N, C-alpha and C. Protein backbone atom coordinates (compact mmCIF):
# COMPACT_ATOMS: atom_id res chain seq x y z
N UNK A 1 -24.68 109.43 84.45
CA UNK A 1 -23.47 109.95 85.05
C UNK A 1 -23.08 109.08 86.24
N UNK A 2 -21.82 108.79 86.36
CA UNK A 2 -21.30 107.99 87.46
C UNK A 2 -21.09 108.90 88.67
N UNK A 3 -21.66 108.52 89.84
CA UNK A 3 -21.47 109.36 91.03
C UNK A 3 -20.00 109.42 91.43
N UNK A 4 -19.58 110.51 92.05
CA UNK A 4 -18.19 110.61 92.49
C UNK A 4 -17.88 109.58 93.57
N UNK A 5 -16.62 109.24 93.69
CA UNK A 5 -16.22 108.22 94.67
C UNK A 5 -16.45 108.66 96.10
N UNK A 6 -16.56 109.96 96.34
CA UNK A 6 -16.76 110.45 97.71
C UNK A 6 -18.22 110.32 98.18
N UNK A 7 -19.13 109.96 97.30
CA UNK A 7 -20.54 109.87 97.66
C UNK A 7 -20.86 108.48 98.21
N UNK A 8 -21.29 108.38 99.48
CA UNK A 8 -21.63 107.07 100.04
C UNK A 8 -22.90 106.49 99.41
N UNK A 9 -23.04 105.20 99.54
CA UNK A 9 -24.26 104.52 99.09
C UNK A 9 -25.44 104.96 99.96
N UNK A 10 -26.62 104.85 99.39
CA UNK A 10 -27.82 105.16 100.18
C UNK A 10 -28.00 104.07 101.24
N UNK A 11 -28.77 104.41 102.26
CA UNK A 11 -29.04 103.49 103.38
C UNK A 11 -30.53 103.17 103.31
N UNK A 12 -30.87 101.93 103.01
CA UNK A 12 -32.27 101.59 102.80
C UNK A 12 -32.89 100.86 103.99
N UNK A 13 -34.20 100.96 104.06
CA UNK A 13 -34.96 100.22 105.07
C UNK A 13 -34.77 98.72 104.86
N UNK A 14 -34.74 98.30 103.61
CA UNK A 14 -34.57 96.87 103.30
C UNK A 14 -33.23 96.35 103.83
N UNK A 15 -32.21 97.20 103.82
CA UNK A 15 -30.90 96.81 104.36
C UNK A 15 -30.97 96.51 105.85
N UNK A 16 -32.04 96.94 106.49
CA UNK A 16 -32.21 96.76 107.93
C UNK A 16 -33.42 95.89 108.24
N UNK A 17 -33.66 94.94 107.33
CA UNK A 17 -34.70 93.94 107.54
C UNK A 17 -36.12 94.48 107.52
N UNK A 18 -36.30 95.71 107.01
CA UNK A 18 -37.63 96.30 106.97
C UNK A 18 -38.13 96.74 108.33
N UNK A 19 -37.26 96.73 109.33
CA UNK A 19 -37.64 97.10 110.69
C UNK A 19 -37.37 98.59 110.90
N UNK A 20 -38.45 99.38 111.04
CA UNK A 20 -38.30 100.84 111.15
C UNK A 20 -37.43 101.25 112.33
N UNK A 21 -37.59 100.63 113.48
CA UNK A 21 -36.82 101.01 114.66
C UNK A 21 -35.33 100.73 114.48
N UNK A 22 -35.00 99.60 113.90
CA UNK A 22 -33.60 99.28 113.61
C UNK A 22 -33.05 100.29 112.60
N UNK A 23 -33.85 100.59 111.59
CA UNK A 23 -33.46 101.55 110.55
C UNK A 23 -33.24 102.94 111.15
N UNK A 24 -34.17 103.38 111.98
CA UNK A 24 -34.05 104.70 112.61
C UNK A 24 -32.78 104.79 113.44
N UNK A 25 -32.46 103.73 114.18
CA UNK A 25 -31.21 103.72 114.96
C UNK A 25 -29.99 103.80 114.06
N UNK A 26 -30.04 103.10 112.93
CA UNK A 26 -28.92 103.15 111.99
C UNK A 26 -28.78 104.54 111.38
N UNK A 27 -29.91 105.14 110.99
CA UNK A 27 -29.88 106.50 110.44
C UNK A 27 -29.28 107.47 111.44
N UNK A 28 -29.73 107.38 112.69
CA UNK A 28 -29.21 108.27 113.71
C UNK A 28 -27.71 108.02 113.95
N UNK A 29 -27.30 106.78 113.88
CA UNK A 29 -25.87 106.47 114.03
C UNK A 29 -25.03 107.17 112.98
N UNK A 30 -25.52 107.20 111.74
CA UNK A 30 -24.80 107.90 110.67
C UNK A 30 -24.79 109.41 110.93
N UNK A 31 -25.93 109.96 111.31
CA UNK A 31 -26.00 111.39 111.61
C UNK A 31 -25.05 111.75 112.74
N UNK A 32 -25.10 110.97 113.82
CA UNK A 32 -24.26 111.26 114.99
C UNK A 32 -22.78 111.19 114.62
N UNK A 33 -22.39 110.20 113.84
CA UNK A 33 -20.98 110.09 113.43
C UNK A 33 -20.56 111.28 112.59
N UNK A 34 -21.46 111.77 111.74
CA UNK A 34 -21.11 112.86 110.82
C UNK A 34 -21.23 114.25 111.41
N UNK A 35 -22.11 114.45 112.40
CA UNK A 35 -22.37 115.81 112.87
C UNK A 35 -22.33 116.01 114.38
N UNK A 36 -22.31 114.94 115.16
CA UNK A 36 -22.27 115.08 116.61
C UNK A 36 -20.88 114.74 117.14
N UNK A 37 -20.40 113.54 116.81
CA UNK A 37 -19.10 113.09 117.29
C UNK A 37 -17.96 113.86 116.63
N UNK A 38 -17.97 113.94 115.33
CA UNK A 38 -16.95 114.66 114.57
C UNK A 38 -17.65 115.65 113.66
N UNK A 39 -17.41 116.91 113.88
CA UNK A 39 -18.11 117.94 113.11
C UNK A 39 -17.30 118.35 111.89
N UNK A 40 -17.98 118.45 110.77
CA UNK A 40 -17.27 118.89 109.56
C UNK A 40 -16.95 120.39 109.62
N UNK A 41 -16.14 120.80 108.68
CA UNK A 41 -15.76 122.21 108.54
C UNK A 41 -16.13 122.64 107.13
N UNK A 42 -16.73 123.82 107.02
CA UNK A 42 -17.05 124.39 105.72
C UNK A 42 -16.31 125.72 105.60
N UNK A 43 -15.38 125.78 104.66
CA UNK A 43 -14.60 126.99 104.40
C UNK A 43 -14.02 127.58 105.69
N UNK A 44 -13.45 126.70 106.49
CA UNK A 44 -12.77 127.13 107.70
C UNK A 44 -13.66 127.33 108.91
N UNK A 45 -14.97 127.16 108.77
CA UNK A 45 -15.88 127.35 109.90
C UNK A 45 -16.52 126.02 110.29
N UNK A 46 -16.66 125.82 111.58
CA UNK A 46 -17.27 124.61 112.13
C UNK A 46 -18.73 124.53 111.69
N UNK A 47 -19.17 123.34 111.33
CA UNK A 47 -20.58 123.11 110.98
C UNK A 47 -21.27 122.51 112.19
N UNK A 48 -22.24 123.23 112.71
CA UNK A 48 -23.02 122.75 113.84
C UNK A 48 -24.39 122.28 113.38
N UNK A 49 -25.19 121.91 114.33
CA UNK A 49 -26.56 121.46 114.05
C UNK A 49 -27.46 121.94 115.17
N UNK A 50 -28.74 122.00 114.87
CA UNK A 50 -29.74 122.44 115.85
C UNK A 50 -30.06 121.26 116.76
N UNK A 51 -29.79 121.43 118.03
CA UNK A 51 -30.02 120.34 118.98
C UNK A 51 -31.46 120.28 119.46
N UNK A 52 -32.05 121.42 119.73
CA UNK A 52 -33.36 121.46 120.37
C UNK A 52 -34.44 121.91 119.40
N UNK A 53 -35.64 121.41 119.51
CA UNK A 53 -36.07 120.48 120.55
C UNK A 53 -35.61 119.05 120.26
N UNK A 54 -35.11 118.41 121.29
CA UNK A 54 -34.76 116.99 121.18
C UNK A 54 -36.06 116.19 121.14
N UNK A 55 -36.06 115.12 120.40
CA UNK A 55 -37.22 114.24 120.32
C UNK A 55 -36.71 112.81 120.37
N UNK A 56 -37.14 112.07 121.33
CA UNK A 56 -36.69 110.69 121.52
C UNK A 56 -35.16 110.60 121.56
N UNK A 57 -34.54 111.61 122.18
CA UNK A 57 -33.09 111.61 122.34
C UNK A 57 -32.31 111.96 121.09
N UNK A 58 -33.02 112.49 120.08
CA UNK A 58 -32.37 112.81 118.81
C UNK A 58 -32.58 114.29 118.49
N UNK A 59 -31.53 114.92 117.95
CA UNK A 59 -31.51 116.35 117.70
C UNK A 59 -32.51 116.78 116.63
N UNK A 60 -32.92 118.05 116.71
CA UNK A 60 -33.87 118.63 115.76
C UNK A 60 -33.37 118.52 114.32
N UNK A 61 -32.09 118.77 114.10
CA UNK A 61 -31.56 118.70 112.73
C UNK A 61 -31.69 117.29 112.16
N UNK A 62 -31.46 116.28 112.98
CA UNK A 62 -31.62 114.90 112.51
C UNK A 62 -33.03 114.69 111.97
N UNK A 63 -34.04 115.09 112.76
CA UNK A 63 -35.42 114.90 112.33
C UNK A 63 -35.71 115.70 111.06
N UNK A 64 -35.11 116.88 110.96
CA UNK A 64 -35.34 117.70 109.77
C UNK A 64 -34.73 117.04 108.53
N UNK A 65 -33.60 116.37 108.70
CA UNK A 65 -32.94 115.71 107.56
C UNK A 65 -33.71 114.50 107.05
N UNK A 66 -34.48 113.85 107.91
CA UNK A 66 -35.14 112.61 107.47
C UNK A 66 -36.65 112.75 107.28
N UNK A 67 -37.17 113.95 107.46
CA UNK A 67 -38.63 114.11 107.35
C UNK A 67 -39.00 115.35 106.56
N UNK A 68 -40.28 115.46 106.25
CA UNK A 68 -40.77 116.63 105.53
C UNK A 68 -42.15 116.99 106.06
N UNK A 69 -42.52 118.24 105.84
CA UNK A 69 -43.84 118.70 106.27
C UNK A 69 -43.86 120.20 106.39
N UNK A 70 -45.04 120.76 106.35
CA UNK A 70 -45.20 122.22 106.36
C UNK A 70 -44.83 122.85 107.69
N UNK A 71 -45.09 122.15 108.79
CA UNK A 71 -44.73 122.70 110.09
C UNK A 71 -43.86 121.69 110.84
N UNK A 72 -43.03 122.20 111.73
CA UNK A 72 -42.08 121.34 112.44
C UNK A 72 -42.77 120.23 113.23
N UNK A 73 -43.91 120.50 113.81
CA UNK A 73 -44.57 119.48 114.62
C UNK A 73 -45.45 118.53 113.81
N UNK A 74 -45.50 118.74 112.50
CA UNK A 74 -46.31 117.86 111.65
C UNK A 74 -45.46 117.15 110.59
N UNK A 75 -44.15 117.12 110.80
CA UNK A 75 -43.28 116.48 109.82
C UNK A 75 -43.39 114.95 109.94
N UNK A 76 -43.25 114.28 108.80
CA UNK A 76 -43.29 112.82 108.78
C UNK A 76 -42.05 112.31 108.03
N UNK A 77 -41.56 111.12 108.41
CA UNK A 77 -40.39 110.57 107.72
C UNK A 77 -40.63 110.47 106.21
N UNK A 78 -39.59 110.76 105.46
CA UNK A 78 -39.63 110.68 103.99
C UNK A 78 -38.48 109.77 103.59
N UNK A 79 -38.81 108.66 102.95
CA UNK A 79 -37.82 107.61 102.72
C UNK A 79 -36.61 108.07 101.89
N UNK A 80 -36.82 108.92 100.90
CA UNK A 80 -35.68 109.36 100.09
C UNK A 80 -34.73 110.21 100.91
N UNK A 81 -35.26 111.00 101.83
CA UNK A 81 -34.39 111.76 102.75
C UNK A 81 -33.65 110.80 103.67
N UNK A 82 -34.38 109.83 104.21
CA UNK A 82 -33.75 108.85 105.09
C UNK A 82 -32.59 108.14 104.39
N UNK A 83 -32.86 107.69 103.18
CA UNK A 83 -31.85 106.92 102.44
C UNK A 83 -30.56 107.70 102.20
N UNK A 84 -30.66 109.03 102.18
CA UNK A 84 -29.50 109.88 101.87
C UNK A 84 -28.90 110.53 103.12
N UNK A 85 -29.14 109.96 104.29
CA UNK A 85 -28.64 110.51 105.54
C UNK A 85 -27.12 110.64 105.55
N UNK A 86 -26.43 109.83 104.77
CA UNK A 86 -24.96 109.89 104.74
C UNK A 86 -24.44 110.91 103.73
N UNK A 87 -25.30 111.60 103.00
CA UNK A 87 -24.85 112.51 101.96
C UNK A 87 -24.50 113.93 102.39
N UNK A 88 -25.17 114.52 103.38
CA UNK A 88 -24.86 115.93 103.68
C UNK A 88 -23.39 116.21 103.97
N UNK A 89 -22.77 115.42 104.82
CA UNK A 89 -21.37 115.69 105.17
C UNK A 89 -20.45 115.63 103.96
N UNK A 90 -20.48 114.56 103.13
CA UNK A 90 -19.58 114.56 101.98
C UNK A 90 -19.86 115.67 100.98
N UNK A 91 -21.12 116.07 100.83
CA UNK A 91 -21.40 117.20 99.94
C UNK A 91 -20.75 118.46 100.50
N UNK A 92 -20.87 118.67 101.81
CA UNK A 92 -20.25 119.83 102.45
C UNK A 92 -18.73 119.78 102.29
N UNK A 93 -18.15 118.62 102.56
CA UNK A 93 -16.69 118.49 102.51
C UNK A 93 -16.13 118.51 101.10
N UNK A 94 -16.96 118.26 100.10
CA UNK A 94 -16.51 118.26 98.71
C UNK A 94 -17.11 119.41 97.92
N UNK A 95 -17.39 120.50 98.60
CA UNK A 95 -18.02 121.66 97.97
C UNK A 95 -17.18 122.25 96.85
N UNK A 96 -15.91 121.96 96.79
CA UNK A 96 -15.06 122.46 95.71
C UNK A 96 -15.10 121.57 94.46
N UNK A 97 -15.72 120.42 94.57
CA UNK A 97 -15.88 119.53 93.42
C UNK A 97 -16.79 120.23 92.40
N UNK A 98 -16.43 120.14 91.15
CA UNK A 98 -17.23 120.79 90.10
C UNK A 98 -18.66 120.27 90.05
N UNK A 99 -18.92 119.10 90.63
CA UNK A 99 -20.27 118.54 90.63
C UNK A 99 -21.20 119.25 91.60
N UNK A 100 -20.64 120.07 92.50
CA UNK A 100 -21.43 120.75 93.52
C UNK A 100 -21.46 122.25 93.22
N UNK A 101 -22.64 122.77 93.00
CA UNK A 101 -22.82 124.21 92.78
C UNK A 101 -23.06 124.86 94.14
N UNK A 102 -22.30 125.91 94.45
CA UNK A 102 -22.39 126.56 95.75
C UNK A 102 -22.66 128.04 95.56
N UNK A 103 -23.63 128.58 96.32
CA UNK A 103 -23.91 130.00 96.30
C UNK A 103 -24.62 130.40 97.57
N UNK A 104 -24.61 131.68 97.84
CA UNK A 104 -25.31 132.20 98.99
C UNK A 104 -26.61 132.86 98.57
N UNK A 105 -27.57 132.88 99.49
CA UNK A 105 -28.81 133.59 99.26
C UNK A 105 -29.37 134.03 100.61
N UNK A 106 -30.50 134.64 100.58
CA UNK A 106 -31.14 135.07 101.82
C UNK A 106 -32.55 134.52 101.84
N UNK A 107 -32.91 133.90 102.97
CA UNK A 107 -34.24 133.35 103.18
C UNK A 107 -34.74 133.85 104.53
N UNK A 108 -35.86 134.48 104.52
CA UNK A 108 -36.49 134.96 105.75
C UNK A 108 -35.51 135.76 106.60
N UNK A 109 -34.72 136.60 105.93
CA UNK A 109 -33.78 137.48 106.62
C UNK A 109 -32.51 136.80 107.08
N UNK A 110 -32.33 135.53 106.75
CA UNK A 110 -31.12 134.81 107.15
C UNK A 110 -30.24 134.52 105.95
N UNK A 111 -28.93 134.61 106.18
CA UNK A 111 -27.99 134.26 105.12
C UNK A 111 -27.86 132.75 105.07
N UNK A 112 -28.11 132.21 103.89
CA UNK A 112 -28.03 130.76 103.67
C UNK A 112 -26.96 130.47 102.62
N UNK A 113 -26.48 129.25 102.66
CA UNK A 113 -25.53 128.76 101.67
C UNK A 113 -26.13 127.50 101.08
N UNK A 114 -26.28 127.48 99.76
CA UNK A 114 -26.85 126.33 99.06
C UNK A 114 -25.72 125.54 98.42
N UNK A 115 -25.75 124.24 98.61
CA UNK A 115 -24.82 123.32 97.96
C UNK A 115 -25.68 122.34 97.17
N UNK A 116 -25.70 122.53 95.86
CA UNK A 116 -26.58 121.73 95.01
C UNK A 116 -25.75 120.71 94.25
N UNK A 117 -25.95 119.47 94.60
CA UNK A 117 -25.30 118.36 93.90
C UNK A 117 -26.28 117.97 92.79
N UNK A 118 -26.20 118.75 91.72
CA UNK A 118 -27.22 118.73 90.68
C UNK A 118 -27.41 117.37 90.02
N UNK A 119 -26.33 116.65 89.75
CA UNK A 119 -26.47 115.37 89.05
C UNK A 119 -27.28 114.34 89.85
N UNK A 120 -27.33 114.53 91.15
CA UNK A 120 -28.12 113.64 92.02
C UNK A 120 -29.39 114.33 92.53
N UNK A 121 -29.65 115.56 92.03
CA UNK A 121 -30.83 116.33 92.44
C UNK A 121 -30.89 116.51 93.96
N UNK A 122 -29.74 116.77 94.58
CA UNK A 122 -29.66 116.82 96.04
C UNK A 122 -29.16 118.18 96.49
N UNK A 123 -29.87 118.78 97.43
CA UNK A 123 -29.54 120.10 97.92
C UNK A 123 -29.26 120.06 99.42
N UNK A 124 -28.14 120.65 99.82
CA UNK A 124 -27.81 120.84 101.24
C UNK A 124 -27.89 122.34 101.49
N UNK A 125 -28.58 122.72 102.56
CA UNK A 125 -28.73 124.13 102.89
C UNK A 125 -28.09 124.38 104.26
N UNK A 126 -27.17 125.34 104.28
CA UNK A 126 -26.50 125.75 105.50
C UNK A 126 -26.96 127.15 105.85
N UNK A 127 -26.91 127.51 107.11
CA UNK A 127 -27.25 128.86 107.56
C UNK A 127 -26.01 129.48 108.21
N UNK A 128 -25.69 130.69 107.80
CA UNK A 128 -24.55 131.40 108.35
C UNK A 128 -24.90 131.95 109.73
N UNK A 129 -24.09 131.63 110.72
CA UNK A 129 -24.21 132.20 112.05
C UNK A 129 -22.96 133.04 112.31
N UNK A 130 -22.94 133.74 113.43
CA UNK A 130 -21.81 134.63 113.71
C UNK A 130 -20.48 133.88 113.81
N UNK A 131 -20.48 132.75 114.50
CA UNK A 131 -19.21 132.06 114.75
C UNK A 131 -19.15 130.64 114.19
N UNK A 132 -20.16 130.25 113.46
CA UNK A 132 -20.18 128.90 112.89
C UNK A 132 -21.20 128.83 111.76
N UNK A 133 -21.27 127.68 111.12
CA UNK A 133 -22.24 127.38 110.07
C UNK A 133 -23.21 126.36 110.65
N UNK A 134 -24.49 126.53 110.37
CA UNK A 134 -25.51 125.61 110.86
C UNK A 134 -26.03 124.76 109.71
N UNK A 135 -26.00 123.45 109.87
CA UNK A 135 -26.65 122.56 108.90
C UNK A 135 -28.14 122.77 109.05
N UNK A 136 -28.77 123.33 108.02
CA UNK A 136 -30.19 123.66 108.09
C UNK A 136 -31.06 122.49 107.66
N UNK A 137 -30.80 122.01 106.44
CA UNK A 137 -31.59 120.88 105.92
C UNK A 137 -30.89 120.32 104.69
N UNK A 138 -31.43 119.22 104.17
CA UNK A 138 -30.94 118.61 102.93
C UNK A 138 -32.07 117.75 102.38
N UNK A 139 -32.21 117.77 101.06
CA UNK A 139 -33.32 117.01 100.45
C UNK A 139 -33.11 116.88 98.95
N UNK A 140 -33.87 115.96 98.38
CA UNK A 140 -33.90 115.80 96.92
C UNK A 140 -34.74 116.90 96.32
N UNK A 141 -34.28 117.43 95.21
CA UNK A 141 -35.03 118.43 94.45
C UNK A 141 -35.61 117.70 93.25
N UNK A 142 -36.90 117.49 93.27
CA UNK A 142 -37.53 116.69 92.22
C UNK A 142 -38.42 117.49 91.28
N UNK A 143 -38.91 118.62 91.75
CA UNK A 143 -39.84 119.41 90.93
C UNK A 143 -39.07 120.25 89.91
N UNK A 144 -39.47 120.18 88.63
CA UNK A 144 -38.77 120.96 87.60
C UNK A 144 -38.73 122.46 87.88
N UNK A 145 -39.82 123.02 88.42
CA UNK A 145 -39.82 124.46 88.70
C UNK A 145 -38.81 124.82 89.79
N UNK A 146 -38.63 123.92 90.76
CA UNK A 146 -37.65 124.16 91.84
C UNK A 146 -36.23 124.08 91.28
N UNK A 147 -35.99 123.15 90.38
CA UNK A 147 -34.66 123.04 89.75
C UNK A 147 -34.35 124.31 88.95
N UNK A 148 -35.36 124.81 88.23
CA UNK A 148 -35.16 126.04 87.46
C UNK A 148 -34.84 127.21 88.38
N UNK A 149 -35.55 127.28 89.50
CA UNK A 149 -35.31 128.36 90.47
C UNK A 149 -33.89 128.27 91.04
N UNK A 150 -33.45 127.08 91.39
CA UNK A 150 -32.09 126.91 91.91
C UNK A 150 -31.06 127.29 90.86
N UNK A 151 -31.27 126.87 89.63
CA UNK A 151 -30.32 127.20 88.56
C UNK A 151 -30.26 128.72 88.37
N UNK A 152 -31.40 129.38 88.41
CA UNK A 152 -31.42 130.84 88.26
C UNK A 152 -30.68 131.51 89.42
N UNK A 153 -30.94 131.06 90.64
CA UNK A 153 -30.22 131.61 91.80
C UNK A 153 -28.72 131.45 91.64
N UNK A 154 -28.31 130.26 91.22
CA UNK A 154 -26.88 129.99 91.04
C UNK A 154 -26.28 130.91 89.98
N UNK A 155 -26.95 131.01 88.83
CA UNK A 155 -26.44 131.87 87.76
C UNK A 155 -26.43 133.33 88.19
N UNK A 156 -27.47 133.77 88.87
CA UNK A 156 -27.51 135.16 89.36
C UNK A 156 -26.36 135.43 90.32
N UNK A 157 -26.03 134.46 91.16
CA UNK A 157 -24.94 134.63 92.12
C UNK A 157 -23.60 134.76 91.42
N UNK A 158 -23.46 134.09 90.30
CA UNK A 158 -22.20 134.15 89.54
C UNK A 158 -22.07 135.47 88.79
N UNK A 159 -23.21 136.09 88.47
CA UNK A 159 -23.21 137.33 87.70
C UNK A 159 -23.21 138.57 88.59
N UNK A 160 -23.26 138.39 89.89
CA UNK A 160 -23.29 139.58 90.76
C UNK A 160 -21.94 139.87 91.37
């Protein structure tokens, strides 16, 4: 399947000479342009991000978008997440595209909104707040059981 024209190219470490620090600065530049300087809107509500705890001058949501791990203080960079740093905003802004499946669910007592760009196995998760939407996380969905679970959630949401 050909990706939609609104989907930016991935950003690779090799594109930045294999230098992690240069790459990290470039990744943060994309995040800042998409979520700090100019904030997207989802269904009429401003999309914010979690600022604290700041780490090396970078917001918590940024670190969550580029890393993985069981606990917040033990997360490590994950290259596939890093490479897709430019994807969350266009997925949010193109949520009406038929390629993006959108539904709400509840996780740990919080209302969440899932945007699953299924053809690219990419999921963006937003959290509903009183006066805005919070970008929670985004990642590749690679495990077959997780894909089945997402598909079931989506179908259940359509049938309710």
